[in-house]
Amino acid sequence: MKNKNKYIPIPIVIGIFGIFFLIVGCSINDSEQNTANNSAVENHPNKDSELALLMRKVYTDTDSIKQLIVNDKGTISKEYIEIVERIHTAIPTDASVKTPEFKAYTELMVNEANALFSNEQNKKEGFNNLVDRCVQCHQSFCPGPIKKINKLRIN
């Protein structure tokens, strides 16, 4: 019997390795992307509870109101006040947060928002009072975003 050496042509070997590395590379990239997406979620320790989502919206809206006041183009709206009032009923990540103290803080915040809405004279002072109420509540319940909230102040 004659012994024949069977060789696979080099272009086929390169093609097979190329496909292998392409598949492995894509799966590693997907893993890295999933890890990046998960870490983005982890930047919000309260995940996506109704209260956490509402607080993020309140922050964004408050920053917009800050810009209106700084540029003397407006102030707080009734819609904003209605959103702030929903803090009372929004479902938190941890139900134990909803204490009488929490309710008192949110009522103070609603009162500050109403005072700012009613006062055309001292909008900057009223806005900073509103920010102070936010910080006071967060000192008791969720201190993580205090540094970010303090940046809302108008100097």
N, C-alpha and C. Protein backbone atom coordinates (compact mmCIF):
# COMPACT_ATOMS: atom_id res chain seq x y z
N MET A 1 0.83 -1.16 0.00
CA MET A 1 0.00 0.00 0.00
C MET A 1 0.88 1.23 0.00
N LYS A 2 0.45 2.15 -0.77
CA LYS A 2 1.23 3.36 -0.94
C LYS A 2 0.78 4.39 0.09
N ASN A 3 1.72 4.98 0.80
CA ASN A 3 1.41 5.99 1.81
C ASN A 3 1.43 7.36 1.16
N LYS A 4 0.27 7.99 1.15
CA LYS A 4 0.18 9.34 0.58
C LYS A 4 0.05 10.33 1.72
N ASN A 5 0.85 11.35 1.66
CA ASN A 5 0.69 12.45 2.62
C ASN A 5 -0.43 13.35 2.13
N LYS A 6 -1.39 13.52 2.99
CA LYS A 6 -2.49 14.41 2.62
C LYS A 6 -2.28 15.73 3.34
N TYR A 7 -2.15 16.75 2.58
CA TYR A 7 -1.97 18.08 3.13
C TYR A 7 -3.21 18.91 2.80
N ILE A 8 -3.58 19.73 3.74
CA ILE A 8 -4.67 20.68 3.49
C ILE A 8 -4.02 21.93 2.95
N PRO A 9 -4.52 22.41 1.84
CA PRO A 9 -3.91 23.61 1.25
C PRO A 9 -3.91 24.78 2.25
N ILE A 10 -2.86 25.55 2.22
CA ILE A 10 -2.66 26.67 3.15
C ILE A 10 -3.83 27.66 3.11
N PRO A 11 -4.36 28.05 1.97
CA PRO A 11 -5.48 29.00 1.99
C PRO A 11 -6.69 28.48 2.77
N ILE A 12 -6.93 27.17 2.73
CA ILE A 12 -8.06 26.62 3.49
C ILE A 12 -7.77 26.69 4.98
N VAL A 13 -6.54 26.36 5.39
CA VAL A 13 -6.15 26.44 6.80
C VAL A 13 -6.30 27.87 7.31
N ILE A 14 -5.82 28.82 6.53
CA ILE A 14 -5.92 30.23 6.93
C ILE A 14 -7.38 30.64 7.03
N GLY A 15 -8.19 30.18 6.09
CA GLY A 15 -9.62 30.50 6.12
C GLY A 15 -10.30 29.95 7.36
N ILE A 16 -9.98 28.69 7.71
CA ILE A 16 -10.59 28.07 8.90
C ILE A 16 -10.19 28.83 10.16
N PHE A 17 -8.88 29.13 10.30
CA PHE A 17 -8.43 29.90 11.46
C PHE A 17 -9.05 31.29 11.48
N GLY A 18 -9.17 31.91 10.31
CA GLY A 18 -9.77 33.23 10.23
C GLY A 18 -11.21 33.23 10.73
N ILE A 19 -11.99 32.24 10.29
CA ILE A 19 -13.38 32.13 10.73
C ILE A 19 -13.43 31.87 12.24
N PHE A 20 -12.53 30.99 12.73
CA PHE A 20 -12.49 30.69 14.15
C PHE A 20 -12.23 31.96 14.98
N PHE A 21 -11.21 32.72 14.59
CA PHE A 21 -10.87 33.93 15.32
C PHE A 21 -11.95 34.99 15.20
N LEU A 22 -12.63 35.04 14.08
CA LEU A 22 -13.73 35.98 13.91
C LEU A 22 -14.87 35.65 14.86
N ILE A 23 -15.21 34.37 14.96
CA ILE A 23 -16.29 33.94 15.87
C ILE A 23 -15.89 34.22 17.32
N VAL A 24 -14.69 33.83 17.70
CA VAL A 24 -14.22 34.06 19.08
C VAL A 24 -14.15 35.55 19.38
N GLY A 25 -13.63 36.32 18.45
CA GLY A 25 -13.52 37.77 18.65
C GLY A 25 -14.87 38.42 18.83
N CYS A 26 -15.85 38.01 18.05
CA CYS A 26 -17.20 38.59 18.17
C CYS A 26 -17.84 38.23 19.49
N SER A 27 -17.64 36.99 19.95
CA SER A 27 -18.25 36.60 21.22
C SER A 27 -17.58 37.33 22.38
N ILE A 28 -16.29 37.57 22.32
CA ILE A 28 -15.61 38.34 23.36
C ILE A 28 -16.12 39.78 23.34
N ASN A 29 -16.28 40.36 22.17
CA ASN A 29 -16.79 41.72 22.06
C ASN A 29 -18.19 41.82 22.65
N ASP A 30 -19.05 40.81 22.39
CA ASP A 30 -20.40 40.82 22.96
C ASP A 30 -20.33 40.75 24.47
N SER A 31 -19.41 39.93 25.02
CA SER A 31 -19.27 39.84 26.47
C SER A 31 -18.84 41.16 27.05
N GLU A 32 -17.88 41.83 26.40
CA GLU A 32 -17.42 43.13 26.88
C GLU A 32 -18.55 44.15 26.83
N GLN A 33 -19.35 44.08 25.77
CA GLN A 33 -20.46 45.02 25.64
C GLN A 33 -21.49 44.77 26.73
N ASN A 34 -21.81 43.50 27.02
CA ASN A 34 -22.75 43.20 28.09
C ASN A 34 -22.22 43.67 29.43
N THR A 35 -20.91 43.49 29.66
CA THR A 35 -20.31 43.97 30.89
C THR A 35 -20.42 45.48 30.99
N ALA A 36 -20.18 46.18 29.88
CA ALA A 36 -20.30 47.64 29.87
C ALA A 36 -21.74 48.06 30.14
N ASN A 37 -22.70 47.36 29.55
CA ASN A 37 -24.10 47.69 29.79
C ASN A 37 -24.48 47.44 31.23
N ASN A 38 -24.00 46.35 31.82
CA ASN A 38 -24.30 46.06 33.21
C ASN A 38 -23.68 47.09 34.14
N SER A 39 -22.47 47.57 33.84
CA SER A 39 -21.85 48.56 34.71
C SER A 39 -22.58 49.89 34.60
N ALA A 40 -23.16 50.18 33.44
CA ALA A 40 -23.93 51.41 33.30
C ALA A 40 -25.14 51.36 34.20
N VAL A 41 -25.76 50.19 34.31
CA VAL A 41 -26.91 50.03 35.19
C VAL A 41 -26.47 50.13 36.64
N GLU A 42 -25.30 49.60 36.93
CA GLU A 42 -24.80 49.61 38.31
C GLU A 42 -24.48 51.02 38.80
N ASN A 43 -24.36 51.99 37.90
CA ASN A 43 -24.14 53.36 38.33
C ASN A 43 -25.35 53.91 39.05
N HIS A 44 -26.47 53.24 38.94
CA HIS A 44 -27.70 53.63 39.62
C HIS A 44 -28.01 52.55 40.65
N PRO A 45 -27.53 52.72 41.87
CA PRO A 45 -27.67 51.66 42.86
C PRO A 45 -29.12 51.31 43.17
N ASN A 46 -30.05 52.23 42.94
CA ASN A 46 -31.45 51.94 43.22
C ASN A 46 -32.16 51.35 42.01
N LYS A 47 -31.39 50.91 41.04
CA LYS A 47 -31.90 50.27 39.83
C LYS A 47 -33.01 51.13 39.22
N ASP A 48 -34.10 50.49 38.85
CA ASP A 48 -35.14 51.21 38.14
C ASP A 48 -36.48 51.17 38.86
N SER A 49 -36.47 51.33 40.17
CA SER A 49 -37.75 51.40 40.88
C SER A 49 -38.46 52.67 40.43
N GLU A 50 -39.75 52.69 40.66
CA GLU A 50 -40.54 53.87 40.27
C GLU A 50 -39.98 55.14 40.90
N LEU A 51 -39.61 55.06 42.17
CA LEU A 51 -39.07 56.24 42.86
C LEU A 51 -37.72 56.64 42.28
N ALA A 52 -36.86 55.68 42.01
CA ALA A 52 -35.53 55.99 41.45
C ALA A 52 -35.68 56.67 40.08
N LEU A 53 -36.56 56.15 39.24
CA LEU A 53 -36.78 56.77 37.92
C LEU A 53 -37.35 58.18 38.08
N LEU A 54 -38.26 58.33 39.01
CA LEU A 54 -38.86 59.65 39.25
C LEU A 54 -37.81 60.63 39.74
N MET A 55 -36.95 60.19 40.63
CA MET A 55 -35.89 61.07 41.15
C MET A 55 -34.95 61.52 40.04
N ARG A 56 -34.63 60.61 39.12
CA ARG A 56 -33.77 61.00 38.00
C ARG A 56 -34.46 62.04 37.13
N LYS A 57 -35.76 61.88 36.93
CA LYS A 57 -36.52 62.86 36.15
C LYS A 57 -36.56 64.20 36.88
N VAL A 58 -36.80 64.16 38.17
CA VAL A 58 -36.84 65.40 38.96
C VAL A 58 -35.50 66.12 38.85
N TYR A 59 -34.41 65.38 38.92
CA TYR A 59 -33.09 66.01 38.80
C TYR A 59 -32.94 66.70 37.44
N THR A 60 -33.27 65.99 36.38
CA THR A 60 -33.14 66.55 35.03
C THR A 60 -34.03 67.79 34.87
N ASP A 61 -35.26 67.69 35.35
CA ASP A 61 -36.18 68.82 35.24
C ASP A 61 -35.70 70.01 36.09
N THR A 62 -35.14 69.71 37.26
CA THR A 62 -34.64 70.77 38.13
C THR A 62 -33.46 71.48 37.47
N ASP A 63 -32.61 70.73 36.81
CA ASP A 63 -31.49 71.34 36.09
C ASP A 63 -32.01 72.24 34.97
N SER A 64 -33.05 71.84 34.29
CA SER A 64 -33.65 72.68 33.24
C SER A 64 -34.23 73.95 33.82
N ILE A 65 -34.88 73.83 34.97
CA ILE A 65 -35.45 75.00 35.64
C ILE A 65 -34.33 75.95 36.07
N LYS A 66 -33.23 75.38 36.55
CA LYS A 66 -32.08 76.20 36.92
C LYS A 66 -31.65 77.06 35.74
N GLN A 67 -31.55 76.45 34.57
CA GLN A 67 -31.13 77.20 33.38
C GLN A 67 -32.12 78.31 33.04
N LEU A 68 -33.42 78.03 33.21
CA LEU A 68 -34.43 79.06 32.96
C LEU A 68 -34.25 80.24 33.90
N ILE A 69 -34.02 79.93 35.17
CA ILE A 69 -33.87 81.00 36.18
C ILE A 69 -32.58 81.77 35.95
N VAL A 70 -31.50 81.07 35.71
CA VAL A 70 -30.20 81.73 35.49
C VAL A 70 -30.28 82.67 34.29
N ASN A 71 -30.95 82.23 33.24
CA ASN A 71 -31.06 83.04 32.03
C ASN A 71 -32.26 83.98 32.04
N ASP A 72 -32.93 84.05 33.19
CA ASP A 72 -34.11 84.91 33.38
C ASP A 72 -35.15 84.69 32.27
N LYS A 73 -35.40 83.42 31.98
CA LYS A 73 -36.36 83.07 30.93
C LYS A 73 -37.55 82.29 31.46
N GLY A 74 -37.64 82.11 32.76
CA GLY A 74 -38.76 81.37 33.30
C GLY A 74 -38.50 80.89 34.71
N THR A 75 -39.39 80.04 35.17
CA THR A 75 -39.28 79.50 36.51
C THR A 75 -39.94 78.12 36.54
N ILE A 76 -40.23 77.67 37.70
CA ILE A 76 -40.85 76.38 37.93
C ILE A 76 -42.26 76.37 37.32
N SER A 77 -42.74 75.19 36.97
CA SER A 77 -44.08 75.07 36.39
C SER A 77 -44.97 74.21 37.29
N LYS A 78 -46.26 74.29 37.07
CA LYS A 78 -47.20 73.45 37.81
C LYS A 78 -46.96 71.97 37.49
N GLU A 79 -46.56 71.70 36.25
CA GLU A 79 -46.27 70.31 35.87
C GLU A 79 -45.11 69.75 36.69
N TYR A 80 -44.10 70.59 36.92
CA TYR A 80 -42.97 70.16 37.74
C TYR A 80 -43.44 69.86 39.16
N ILE A 81 -44.28 70.73 39.69
CA ILE A 81 -44.79 70.52 41.05
C ILE A 81 -45.57 69.22 41.13
N GLU A 82 -46.36 68.91 40.10
CA GLU A 82 -47.12 67.66 40.08
C GLU A 82 -46.17 66.45 40.07
N ILE A 83 -45.06 66.57 39.36
CA ILE A 83 -44.09 65.47 39.33
C ILE A 83 -43.47 65.30 40.72
N VAL A 84 -43.13 66.40 41.36
CA VAL A 84 -42.56 66.34 42.71
C VAL A 84 -43.57 65.72 43.68
N GLU A 85 -44.83 66.04 43.52
CA GLU A 85 -45.86 65.47 44.41
C GLU A 85 -45.95 63.96 44.27
N ARG A 86 -45.58 63.43 43.13
CA ARG A 86 -45.64 61.97 42.92
C ARG A 86 -44.60 61.23 43.75
N ILE A 87 -43.64 61.96 44.31
CA ILE A 87 -42.65 61.31 45.18
C ILE A 87 -43.36 60.63 46.35
N HIS A 88 -44.48 61.22 46.82
CA HIS A 88 -45.25 60.63 47.93
C HIS A 88 -45.71 59.21 47.63
N THR A 89 -46.11 58.97 46.38
CA THR A 89 -46.74 57.69 46.04
C THR A 89 -45.85 56.75 45.23
N ALA A 90 -44.73 57.21 44.75
CA ALA A 90 -43.85 56.37 43.94
C ALA A 90 -43.32 55.20 44.77
N ILE A 91 -43.24 54.05 44.14
CA ILE A 91 -42.79 52.84 44.83
C ILE A 91 -41.26 52.81 44.86
N PRO A 92 -40.68 52.78 46.08
CA PRO A 92 -39.22 52.77 46.20
C PRO A 92 -38.64 51.37 46.05
N THR A 93 -37.34 51.30 45.91
CA THR A 93 -36.64 50.01 45.87
C THR A 93 -36.83 49.30 47.21
N ASP A 94 -36.73 50.05 48.28
CA ASP A 94 -36.86 49.52 49.64
C ASP A 94 -38.09 50.17 50.28
N ALA A 95 -39.12 49.40 50.53
CA ALA A 95 -40.38 49.93 51.08
C ALA A 95 -40.21 50.59 52.44
N SER A 96 -39.17 50.23 53.18
CA SER A 96 -38.97 50.81 54.51
C SER A 96 -38.61 52.30 54.45
N VAL A 97 -38.33 52.82 53.25
CA VAL A 97 -38.01 54.24 53.07
C VAL A 97 -39.23 55.11 53.35
N LYS A 98 -40.40 54.58 53.06
CA LYS A 98 -41.63 55.37 53.17
C LYS A 98 -42.04 55.51 54.63
N THR A 99 -41.33 56.36 55.34
CA THR A 99 -41.60 56.62 56.75
C THR A 99 -42.31 57.98 56.89
N PRO A 100 -42.83 58.28 58.06
CA PRO A 100 -43.39 59.62 58.27
C PRO A 100 -42.36 60.72 58.02
N GLU A 101 -41.10 60.46 58.34
CA GLU A 101 -40.03 61.44 58.09
C GLU A 101 -39.87 61.68 56.58
N PHE A 102 -39.93 60.62 55.79
CA PHE A 102 -39.83 60.75 54.33
C PHE A 102 -40.99 61.59 53.81
N LYS A 103 -42.16 61.30 54.30
CA LYS A 103 -43.35 62.06 53.87
C LYS A 103 -43.20 63.54 54.25
N ALA A 104 -42.69 63.81 55.43
CA ALA A 104 -42.50 65.20 55.87
C ALA A 104 -41.51 65.92 54.96
N TYR A 105 -40.41 65.24 54.60
CA TYR A 105 -39.44 65.86 53.70
C TYR A 105 -40.05 66.15 52.33
N THR A 106 -40.80 65.21 51.81
CA THR A 106 -41.39 65.45 50.49
C THR A 106 -42.44 66.55 50.54
N GLU A 107 -43.16 66.66 51.65
CA GLU A 107 -44.12 67.76 51.78
C GLU A 107 -43.39 69.11 51.83
N LEU A 108 -42.26 69.15 52.54
CA LEU A 108 -41.46 70.38 52.57
C LEU A 108 -40.96 70.74 51.17
N MET A 109 -40.58 69.73 50.42
CA MET A 109 -40.10 69.99 49.06
C MET A 109 -41.24 70.53 48.19
N VAL A 110 -42.41 69.95 48.30
CA VAL A 110 -43.57 70.44 47.54
C VAL A 110 -43.89 71.88 47.96
N ASN A 111 -43.81 72.16 49.24
CA ASN A 111 -44.06 73.54 49.72
C ASN A 111 -43.05 74.51 49.14
N GLU A 112 -41.77 74.11 49.11
CA GLU A 112 -40.73 74.99 48.52
C GLU A 112 -40.99 75.20 47.03
N ALA A 113 -41.41 74.14 46.34
CA ALA A 113 -41.71 74.26 44.91
C ALA A 113 -42.87 75.23 44.69
N ASN A 114 -43.90 75.12 45.52
CA ASN A 114 -45.04 76.04 45.41
C ASN A 114 -44.63 77.47 45.73
N ALA A 115 -43.77 77.64 46.73
CA ALA A 115 -43.30 78.99 47.08
C ALA A 115 -42.50 79.58 45.93
N LEU A 116 -41.67 78.79 45.29
CA LEU A 116 -40.90 79.26 44.15
C LEU A 116 -41.83 79.64 43.00
N PHE A 117 -42.85 78.86 42.78
CA PHE A 117 -43.82 79.14 41.71
C PHE A 117 -44.53 80.47 41.96
N SER A 118 -44.81 80.76 43.22
CA SER A 118 -45.57 81.96 43.57
C SER A 118 -44.72 83.22 43.68
N ASN A 119 -43.41 83.08 43.81
CA ASN A 119 -42.55 84.22 44.08
C ASN A 119 -41.73 84.59 42.84
N GLU A 120 -42.08 85.67 42.21
CA GLU A 120 -41.34 86.14 41.04
C GLU A 120 -40.12 86.97 41.42
N GLN A 121 -40.02 87.41 42.65
CA GLN A 121 -38.96 88.32 43.06
C GLN A 121 -37.63 87.62 43.33
N ASN A 122 -37.67 86.58 44.13
CA ASN A 122 -36.42 85.94 44.57
C ASN A 122 -36.33 84.52 44.02
N LYS A 123 -36.32 84.39 42.71
CA LYS A 123 -36.32 83.05 42.10
C LYS A 123 -35.05 82.27 42.44
N LYS A 124 -33.91 82.94 42.43
CA LYS A 124 -32.66 82.23 42.73
C LYS A 124 -32.66 81.72 44.16
N GLU A 125 -33.08 82.58 45.09
CA GLU A 125 -33.13 82.16 46.50
C GLU A 125 -34.14 81.03 46.68
N GLY A 126 -35.30 81.15 46.07
CA GLY A 126 -36.32 80.11 46.16
C GLY A 126 -35.85 78.79 45.56
N PHE A 127 -35.15 78.89 44.45
CA PHE A 127 -34.62 77.69 43.81
C PHE A 127 -33.59 77.01 44.72
N ASN A 128 -32.69 77.80 45.30
CA ASN A 128 -31.69 77.22 46.21
C ASN A 128 -32.34 76.62 47.46
N ASN A 129 -33.44 77.21 47.92
CA ASN A 129 -34.18 76.62 49.04
C ASN A 129 -34.74 75.26 48.66
N LEU A 130 -35.22 75.14 47.43
CA LEU A 130 -35.72 73.86 46.93
C LEU A 130 -34.60 72.83 46.89
N VAL A 131 -33.46 73.22 46.40
CA VAL A 131 -32.30 72.33 46.36
C VAL A 131 -31.90 71.92 47.78
N ASP A 132 -31.95 72.86 48.72
CA ASP A 132 -31.64 72.54 50.13
C ASP A 132 -32.57 71.46 50.67
N ARG A 133 -33.84 71.54 50.32
CA ARG A 133 -34.81 70.53 50.78
C ARG A 133 -34.46 69.15 50.20
N CYS A 134 -34.05 69.14 48.96
CA CYS A 134 -33.64 67.88 48.34
C CYS A 134 -32.46 67.27 49.10
N VAL A 135 -31.47 68.10 49.37
CA VAL A 135 -30.28 67.64 50.07
C VAL A 135 -30.63 67.15 51.47
N GLN A 136 -31.48 67.88 52.18
CA GLN A 136 -31.86 67.46 53.54
C GLN A 136 -32.50 66.08 53.54
N CYS A 137 -33.38 65.84 52.59
CA CYS A 137 -34.03 64.53 52.51
C CYS A 137 -33.00 63.45 52.18
N HIS A 138 -32.15 63.74 51.22
CA HIS A 138 -31.15 62.75 50.83
C HIS A 138 -30.13 62.48 51.94
N GLN A 139 -29.89 63.42 52.82
CA GLN A 139 -29.00 63.16 53.95
C GLN A 139 -29.57 62.06 54.83
N SER A 140 -30.88 61.99 54.91
CA SER A 140 -31.52 60.97 55.76
C SER A 140 -31.78 59.65 55.04
N PHE A 141 -32.02 59.70 53.75
CA PHE A 141 -32.49 58.49 53.08
C PHE A 141 -31.59 57.92 51.99
N CYS A 142 -30.93 58.75 51.25
CA CYS A 142 -30.15 58.25 50.11
C CYS A 142 -29.02 59.24 49.82
N PRO A 143 -27.94 59.18 50.58
CA PRO A 143 -26.91 60.21 50.48
C PRO A 143 -26.08 60.19 49.19
N GLY A 144 -26.15 59.13 48.43
CA GLY A 144 -25.32 59.01 47.23
C GLY A 144 -25.34 60.20 46.29
N PRO A 145 -26.50 60.72 45.92
CA PRO A 145 -26.52 61.81 44.93
C PRO A 145 -26.36 63.23 45.49
N ILE A 146 -26.04 63.37 46.76
CA ILE A 146 -25.97 64.72 47.36
C ILE A 146 -24.98 65.62 46.62
N LYS A 147 -23.81 65.09 46.30
CA LYS A 147 -22.80 65.90 45.61
C LYS A 147 -23.36 66.42 44.28
N LYS A 148 -24.05 65.57 43.56
CA LYS A 148 -24.65 65.95 42.27
C LYS A 148 -25.77 66.97 42.49
N ILE A 149 -26.58 66.76 43.50
CA ILE A 149 -27.69 67.69 43.78
C ILE A 149 -27.14 69.06 44.14
N ASN A 150 -26.07 69.10 44.94
CA ASN A 150 -25.47 70.38 45.33
C ASN A 150 -25.01 71.20 44.12
N LYS A 151 -24.67 70.53 43.04
CA LYS A 151 -24.24 71.24 41.83
C LYS A 151 -25.40 72.00 41.18
N LEU A 152 -26.62 71.72 41.60
CA LEU A 152 -27.77 72.43 41.05
C LEU A 152 -27.88 73.86 41.60
N ARG A 153 -27.24 74.12 42.72
CA ARG A 153 -27.37 75.46 43.33
C ARG A 153 -26.98 76.57 42.35
N ILE A 154 -27.66 77.67 42.49
CA ILE A 154 -27.35 78.86 41.71
C ILE A 154 -26.51 79.77 42.59
N ASN A 155 -25.32 80.11 42.14
CA ASN A 155 -24.42 80.97 42.93
C ASN A 155 -24.67 82.43 42.65
